[in-house]
Each structure stands twice: as structure tokens, then as C-alpha cells.
């Protein structure tokens, strides 16, 4: 796994956490809290997808390198 990819994933995660905290701080009612939870869940899903894509790309690269040997 390339360090650049890891940093990108950590940046996504950090942004998600910051956004969640900010929304919960200003949430005055249950609807705001539900919206914040939904937005955080969507961001979490994006992070999971990015990790899955990274793993898949890494696996494909490993297979390509093995076939070249």
C-alpha cells in the first residue's frame, strides 16, 4: 500500500470526523442529528469503498508483477 494512498484515506477519515463533530455541535433537534448521522454514514461508506478499491488495485498490481516474472 502506497503511503500517498494511506494519507488520502486518513484525510478522508479526518474530514468525516470533523464534519460529524461540527454538525452534532450545532444540532438543535432530532432531525438535525439524524441528518448528521446520515451524512457521516455516507462518508464512512465512501471511505470503505476507497479502501476496497485500493486493496483491489494493490492485488491487481501484485498479479501483474507475478506474471512478468
N, C-alpha and C. Protein backbone atom coordinates (compact mmCIF):
# COMPACT_ATOMS: atom_id res chain seq x y z
N UNK A 1 0.85 -1.17 0.00
CA UNK A 1 0.00 0.00 0.00
C UNK A 1 0.89 1.24 0.00
N UNK A 2 0.64 2.11 -0.91
CA UNK A 2 1.43 3.32 -1.07
C UNK A 2 1.09 4.32 0.04
N UNK A 3 2.10 4.99 0.55
CA UNK A 3 1.91 5.95 1.64
C UNK A 3 0.97 7.09 1.23
N UNK A 4 1.01 7.46 -0.05
CA UNK A 4 0.12 8.51 -0.56
C UNK A 4 -1.34 8.09 -0.41
N UNK A 5 -1.62 6.83 -0.72
CA UNK A 5 -2.99 6.33 -0.60
C UNK A 5 -3.43 6.29 0.86
N UNK A 6 -2.54 5.86 1.72
CA UNK A 6 -2.86 5.80 3.15
C UNK A 6 -3.17 7.20 3.67
N UNK A 7 -2.34 8.18 3.29
CA UNK A 7 -2.57 9.56 3.74
C UNK A 7 -3.90 10.07 3.22
N UNK A 8 -4.23 9.77 1.98
CA UNK A 8 -5.50 10.20 1.42
C UNK A 8 -6.67 9.62 2.21
N UNK A 9 -6.58 8.34 2.55
CA UNK A 9 -7.65 7.70 3.32
C UNK A 9 -7.77 8.31 4.71
N UNK A 10 -6.64 8.60 5.33
CA UNK A 10 -6.66 9.24 6.65
C UNK A 10 -7.25 10.65 6.58
N UNK A 11 -6.94 11.37 5.50
CA UNK A 11 -7.52 12.70 5.32
C UNK A 11 -9.04 12.64 5.18
N UNK A 12 -9.51 11.64 4.43
CA UNK A 12 -10.96 11.45 4.28
C UNK A 12 -11.59 11.17 5.64
N UNK A 13 -10.96 10.28 6.38
CA UNK A 13 -11.48 9.91 7.70
C UNK A 13 -11.48 11.12 8.63
N UNK A 14 -10.40 11.88 8.62
CA UNK A 14 -10.31 13.06 9.49
C UNK A 14 -11.40 14.07 9.15
N UNK A 15 -11.61 14.29 7.86
CA UNK A 15 -12.65 15.22 7.44
C UNK A 15 -14.03 14.76 7.88
N UNK A 16 -14.25 13.46 7.81
CA UNK A 16 -15.53 12.90 8.24
C UNK A 16 -15.76 13.13 9.72
N UNK A 17 -14.75 12.88 10.51
CA UNK A 17 -14.88 13.06 11.96
C UNK A 17 -15.12 14.53 12.29
N UNK A 18 -14.36 15.41 11.66
CA UNK A 18 -14.54 16.84 11.92
C UNK A 18 -15.95 17.30 11.55
N UNK A 19 -16.42 16.83 10.41
CA UNK A 19 -17.76 17.21 9.95
C UNK A 19 -18.82 16.71 10.92
N UNK A 20 -18.66 15.48 11.35
CA UNK A 20 -19.63 14.90 12.29
C UNK A 20 -19.67 15.69 13.59
N UNK A 21 -18.52 16.01 14.12
CA UNK A 21 -18.46 16.78 15.37
C UNK A 21 -19.11 18.15 15.21
N UNK A 22 -18.82 18.81 14.11
CA UNK A 22 -19.36 20.15 13.89
C UNK A 22 -20.88 20.11 13.77
N UNK A 23 -21.40 19.12 13.07
CA UNK A 23 -22.85 19.05 12.89
C UNK A 23 -23.53 18.72 14.21
N UNK A 24 -22.96 17.80 14.97
CA UNK A 24 -23.57 17.47 16.25
C UNK A 24 -23.54 18.65 17.21
N UNK A 25 -22.52 19.50 17.11
CA UNK A 25 -22.44 20.66 17.99
C UNK A 25 -23.56 21.66 17.71
N UNK A 26 -23.95 21.78 16.44
CA UNK A 26 -24.98 22.76 16.10
C UNK A 26 -26.37 22.14 15.99
N UNK A 27 -26.47 20.84 16.14
CA UNK A 27 -27.77 20.17 16.02
C UNK A 27 -28.68 20.58 17.17
N UNK A 28 -29.78 21.21 16.82
CA UNK A 28 -30.74 21.67 17.83
C UNK A 28 -31.89 20.70 18.03
N UNK A 29 -32.10 19.85 17.05
CA UNK A 29 -33.22 18.93 17.18
C UNK A 29 -32.85 17.56 16.61
N UNK A 30 -33.78 16.66 16.74
CA UNK A 30 -33.54 15.27 16.33
C UNK A 30 -33.34 15.16 14.82
N UNK A 31 -34.04 15.99 14.03
CA UNK A 31 -33.89 15.94 12.58
C UNK A 31 -32.46 16.30 12.17
N UNK A 32 -31.89 17.32 12.81
CA UNK A 32 -30.50 17.69 12.52
C UNK A 32 -29.55 16.55 12.88
N UNK A 33 -29.81 15.92 14.01
CA UNK A 33 -28.95 14.81 14.43
C UNK A 33 -29.06 13.63 13.47
N UNK A 34 -30.29 13.36 13.01
CA UNK A 34 -30.48 12.27 12.05
C UNK A 34 -29.78 12.57 10.73
N UNK A 35 -29.87 13.83 10.29
CA UNK A 35 -29.20 14.22 9.05
C UNK A 35 -27.69 14.09 9.20
N UNK A 36 -27.18 14.52 10.35
CA UNK A 36 -25.74 14.41 10.60
C UNK A 36 -25.31 12.95 10.60
N UNK A 37 -26.09 12.10 11.22
CA UNK A 37 -25.76 10.67 11.24
C UNK A 37 -25.78 10.10 9.83
N UNK A 38 -26.75 10.50 9.02
CA UNK A 38 -26.84 10.01 7.64
C UNK A 38 -25.65 10.48 6.81
N UNK A 39 -25.25 11.74 6.99
CA UNK A 39 -24.10 12.26 6.25
C UNK A 39 -22.82 11.56 6.67
N UNK A 40 -22.68 11.29 7.95
CA UNK A 40 -21.50 10.58 8.43
C UNK A 40 -21.47 9.15 7.91
N UNK A 41 -22.63 8.51 7.86
CA UNK A 41 -22.71 7.16 7.34
C UNK A 41 -22.32 7.14 5.86
N UNK A 42 -22.76 8.14 5.10
CA UNK A 42 -22.40 8.23 3.69
C UNK A 42 -20.89 8.42 3.53
N UNK A 43 -20.31 9.26 4.37
CA UNK A 43 -18.87 9.48 4.31
C UNK A 43 -18.11 8.21 4.68
N UNK A 44 -18.62 7.48 5.67
CA UNK A 44 -17.99 6.22 6.06
C UNK A 44 -18.04 5.22 4.91
N UNK A 45 -19.17 5.18 4.21
CA UNK A 45 -19.29 4.28 3.07
C UNK A 45 -18.31 4.65 1.96
N UNK A 46 -18.10 5.95 1.74
CA UNK A 46 -17.11 6.39 0.74
C UNK A 46 -15.71 5.94 1.15
N UNK A 47 -15.41 6.04 2.42
CA UNK A 47 -14.10 5.61 2.92
C UNK A 47 -13.92 4.12 2.72
N UNK A 48 -14.94 3.34 3.05
CA UNK A 48 -14.86 1.88 2.87
C UNK A 48 -14.66 1.55 1.40
N UNK A 49 -15.39 2.22 0.51
CA UNK A 49 -15.25 1.99 -0.93
C UNK A 49 -13.84 2.33 -1.39
N UNK A 50 -13.29 3.44 -0.91
CA UNK A 50 -11.93 3.82 -1.29
C UNK A 50 -10.92 2.77 -0.83
N UNK A 51 -11.10 2.25 0.36
CA UNK A 51 -10.19 1.21 0.87
C UNK A 51 -10.32 -0.05 0.02
N UNK A 52 -11.55 -0.44 -0.31
CA UNK A 52 -11.76 -1.63 -1.14
C UNK A 52 -11.12 -1.46 -2.51
N UNK A 53 -11.25 -0.28 -3.10
CA UNK A 53 -10.64 -0.02 -4.40
C UNK A 53 -9.13 -0.07 -4.31
N UNK A 54 -8.58 0.44 -3.23
CA UNK A 54 -7.14 0.41 -3.04
C UNK A 54 -6.64 -1.02 -2.92
N UNK A 55 -7.35 -1.83 -2.15
CA UNK A 55 -6.96 -3.23 -1.98
C UNK A 55 -7.04 -3.96 -3.32
N UNK A 56 -8.10 -3.71 -4.08
CA UNK A 56 -8.25 -4.36 -5.38
C UNK A 56 -7.13 -3.94 -6.33
N UNK A 57 -6.82 -2.66 -6.36
CA UNK A 57 -5.74 -2.18 -7.23
C UNK A 57 -4.40 -2.79 -6.81
N UNK A 58 -4.18 -2.89 -5.50
CA UNK A 58 -2.95 -3.48 -5.00
C UNK A 58 -2.86 -4.95 -5.41
N UNK A 59 -3.97 -5.68 -5.30
CA UNK A 59 -3.99 -7.09 -5.68
C UNK A 59 -3.73 -7.26 -7.18
N UNK A 60 -4.33 -6.42 -7.99
CA UNK A 60 -4.12 -6.49 -9.44
C UNK A 60 -2.67 -6.20 -9.79
N UNK A 61 -2.08 -5.24 -9.13
CA UNK A 61 -0.68 -4.92 -9.37
C UNK A 61 0.21 -6.09 -8.99
N UNK A 62 -0.08 -6.72 -7.88
CA UNK A 62 0.70 -7.88 -7.45
C UNK A 62 0.60 -9.01 -8.46
N UNK A 63 -0.59 -9.24 -9.00
CA UNK A 63 -0.78 -10.29 -10.01
C UNK A 63 0.00 -9.94 -11.27
N UNK A 64 -0.04 -8.69 -11.70
CA UNK A 64 0.69 -8.27 -12.89
C UNK A 64 2.19 -8.45 -12.70
N UNK A 65 2.69 -8.13 -11.53
CA UNK A 65 4.12 -8.27 -11.27
C UNK A 65 4.53 -9.74 -11.27
N UNK A 66 3.68 -10.62 -10.76
CA UNK A 66 3.98 -12.05 -10.74
C UNK A 66 4.02 -12.62 -12.15
N UNK A 67 3.13 -12.14 -13.03
CA UNK A 67 3.10 -12.67 -14.39
C UNK A 67 4.29 -12.19 -15.21
N UNK A 68 4.89 -11.08 -14.83
CA UNK A 68 6.07 -10.56 -15.53
C UNK A 68 7.32 -11.35 -15.18
N UNK A 69 7.30 -12.00 -14.02
CA UNK A 69 8.47 -12.77 -13.58
C UNK A 69 8.49 -14.04 -14.32
